[in-house]
Amino acid sequence: GSVKIFNETLSNNAFLRQKIGYIAQGNSLFPHLNALQNMTFCLNLQGINKQAAQKEAKALALKMGLDESLMDKFPNELSGGQAQRVGIIRGIIHRPELILLDEPFSALDSLNRKNLQDLIKEIHQNSCATFIMVTHDESEAQK
C-alpha cells in the first residue's frame, strides 16, 4: 500500500516539501547554517532566487520581532525564543498548505510562549493553510 497526501504518494518528496511546513519542538535549526540560511532553506530547495528568498526572510523576521543583526548568528548564539522564531519562519516561508506543529512552545518561558502563541494564531488567521498542532497542554489546545 501507500500513503497519499494531497493525492500524491508520500514518496514524492519534492511535492511534499512545497505543500507541507513543519515547526518542531525546541531548537531544530541546522547548526551549520546561520539564522538567515535556516530561514531560507525551504525556498532554496525550491530554486527561488537567493536575493528574493533573503528579502522574504528578512521581512518575516522583522514582522516577528527579530532584528536584522541576528541574521548572521548561528543557532547556538540565539536565545530560545529567537531560535524558535527562526524555526517558525523556516516552516512557513514557502507558504505551505499544511503546517505541522510539534509542541512548538514546550521549550519556552511563559513570556516567549505567549508571544509565539499569539504570533502563530495571527499567521493562522492570515493564511489559507491547515494547521495541525501536537501539544500536551489542554489550555494551549483550546486556543
Protein backbone atom coordinates (compact mmCIF):
# COMPACT_ATOMS: atom_id res chain seq x y z
CA GLY A 1 0.00 0.00 0.00
CA SER A 2 0.93 3.64 0.00
CA VAL A 3 0.16 6.81 1.92
CA LYS A 4 -1.22 9.76 -0.02
CA ILE A 5 -1.25 13.42 0.97
CA PHE A 6 -2.81 15.97 -1.39
CA ASN A 7 -3.49 13.00 -3.69
CA GLU A 8 0.26 12.36 -4.05
CA THR A 9 2.17 9.37 -2.71
CA LEU A 10 4.36 10.04 0.28
CA SER A 11 7.43 9.11 -1.75
CA ASN A 12 7.05 12.30 -3.81
CA ASN A 13 9.34 14.33 -1.51
CA ALA A 14 9.71 17.35 -3.79
CA PHE A 15 5.96 17.77 -3.93
CA LEU A 16 5.60 17.42 -0.16
CA ARG A 17 8.37 19.94 0.55
CA GLN A 18 6.31 22.54 -1.28
CA LYS A 19 2.99 21.67 0.34
CA ILE A 20 3.93 20.94 3.96
CA GLY A 21 5.62 23.11 6.58
CA TYR A 22 6.98 21.75 9.84
CA ILE A 23 7.61 23.62 13.07
CA ALA A 24 9.44 21.42 15.55
CA GLN A 25 9.70 21.25 19.30
CA GLY A 26 12.65 23.21 20.68
CA ASN A 27 15.61 24.21 18.60
CA SER A 28 15.55 22.16 15.40
CA LEU A 29 17.68 24.55 13.39
CA PHE A 30 20.56 23.31 11.27
CA PRO A 31 23.62 24.11 13.45
CA HIS A 32 25.95 24.68 10.48
CA LEU A 33 23.64 27.34 8.94
CA ASN A 34 23.15 30.86 10.28
CA ALA A 35 19.68 32.23 11.05
CA LEU A 36 19.14 33.66 7.55
CA GLN A 37 20.29 30.43 5.87
CA ASN A 38 17.99 28.40 8.14
CA MET A 39 15.03 30.65 7.25
CA THR A 40 15.63 30.48 3.50
CA PHE A 41 16.39 26.74 3.41
CA CYS A 42 12.99 25.67 2.01
CA LEU A 43 12.96 28.42 -0.61
CA ASN A 44 16.45 27.37 -1.73
CA LEU A 45 15.21 23.79 -2.19
CA GLN A 46 12.51 25.16 -4.48
CA GLY A 47 15.05 27.04 -6.59
CA ILE A 48 13.93 30.51 -5.51
CA ASN A 49 16.42 33.27 -6.28
CA LYS A 50 18.76 33.80 -3.29
CA GLN A 51 18.12 37.55 -3.05
CA ALA A 52 14.34 37.12 -3.24
CA ALA A 53 14.48 34.41 -0.56
CA GLN A 54 16.58 36.59 1.72
CA LYS A 55 14.27 39.57 1.22
CA GLU A 56 11.24 37.44 2.16
CA ALA A 57 13.02 36.00 5.21
CA LYS A 58 14.12 39.42 6.45
CA ALA A 59 10.59 40.80 6.05
CA LEU A 60 9.14 37.90 8.07
CA ALA A 61 11.91 38.23 10.67
CA LEU A 62 11.12 41.91 11.14
CA LYS A 63 7.42 41.12 11.49
CA MET A 64 8.29 38.54 14.15
CA GLY A 65 10.50 40.90 16.12
CA LEU A 66 13.86 39.53 15.02
CA ASP A 67 16.48 42.23 14.50
CA GLU A 68 18.48 42.13 11.27
CA SER A 69 21.67 41.89 13.36
CA LEU A 70 20.65 38.30 14.22
CA MET A 71 20.68 37.11 10.60
CA ASP A 72 24.38 36.11 10.69
CA LYS A 73 24.12 34.37 14.08
CA PHE A 74 24.28 30.60 14.35
CA PRO A 75 21.66 28.67 16.34
CA ASN A 76 23.92 28.32 19.40
CA GLU A 77 24.19 32.14 19.51
CA LEU A 78 20.41 32.70 19.61
CA SER A 79 18.11 32.70 22.64
CA GLY A 80 15.42 30.02 22.81
CA GLY A 81 12.74 32.46 21.68
CA GLN A 82 14.85 33.77 18.81
CA ALA A 83 15.68 30.25 17.63
CA GLN A 84 12.02 29.24 17.77
CA ARG A 85 11.04 32.29 15.70
CA VAL A 86 13.65 31.33 13.09
CA GLY A 87 12.19 27.81 13.08
CA ILE A 88 8.68 29.18 12.61
CA ILE A 89 9.82 31.29 9.67
CA ARG A 90 11.55 28.27 8.13
CA GLY A 91 8.29 26.32 8.48
CA ILE A 92 6.03 28.94 6.89
CA ILE A 93 8.20 30.95 4.48
CA HIS A 94 7.30 28.80 1.46
CA ARG A 95 3.55 29.28 2.15
CA PRO A 96 2.67 25.61 2.62
CA GLU A 97 -0.92 24.38 2.53
CA LEU A 98 -0.42 22.20 5.61
CA ILE A 99 1.62 23.26 8.65
CA LEU A 100 2.53 20.64 11.25
CA LEU A 101 3.48 21.98 14.68
CA ASP A 102 5.12 19.53 17.10
CA GLU A 103 4.95 21.03 20.62
CA PRO A 104 6.30 24.34 19.26
CA PHE A 105 6.17 26.17 22.61
CA SER A 106 7.29 23.47 25.06
CA ALA A 107 10.89 24.68 25.47
CA LEU A 108 9.97 28.34 26.01
CA ASP A 109 9.47 30.50 29.08
CA SER A 110 5.97 31.84 29.72
CA LEU A 111 6.56 35.26 28.08
CA ASN A 112 8.03 33.81 24.87
CA ARG A 113 5.35 31.10 24.90
CA LYS A 114 2.52 33.69 25.00
CA ASN A 115 4.16 35.88 22.33
CA LEU A 116 4.69 32.96 19.95
CA GLN A 117 1.20 31.55 20.58
CA ASP A 118 -0.22 34.94 19.56
CA LEU A 119 2.07 35.02 16.53
CA ILE A 120 1.03 31.53 15.37
CA LYS A 121 -2.62 32.47 15.85
CA GLU A 122 -2.11 35.60 13.70
CA ILE A 123 -0.32 33.60 10.99
CA HIS A 124 -3.14 31.06 11.01
CA GLN A 125 -5.81 33.76 10.70
CA ASN A 126 -3.99 35.39 7.78
CA SER A 127 -3.32 32.26 5.75
CA CYS A 128 -5.33 29.58 4.00
CA ALA A 129 -3.16 26.82 5.44
CA THR A 130 -4.39 24.00 7.62
CA PHE A 131 -2.59 23.86 10.97
CA ILE A 132 -2.20 20.63 12.94
CA MET A 133 -0.58 21.05 16.35
CA VAL A 134 0.59 18.42 18.80
CA THR A 135 0.51 19.57 22.43
CA HIS A 136 0.15 18.11 25.89
CA ASP A 137 -1.18 21.41 27.26
CA GLU A 138 -5.00 21.40 27.31
CA SER A 139 -5.32 25.19 27.59
CA GLU A 140 -2.98 25.62 24.63
CA ALA A 141 -5.04 23.17 22.56
CA GLN A 142 -8.25 25.07 23.31
CA LYS A 143 -6.84 28.29 21.89
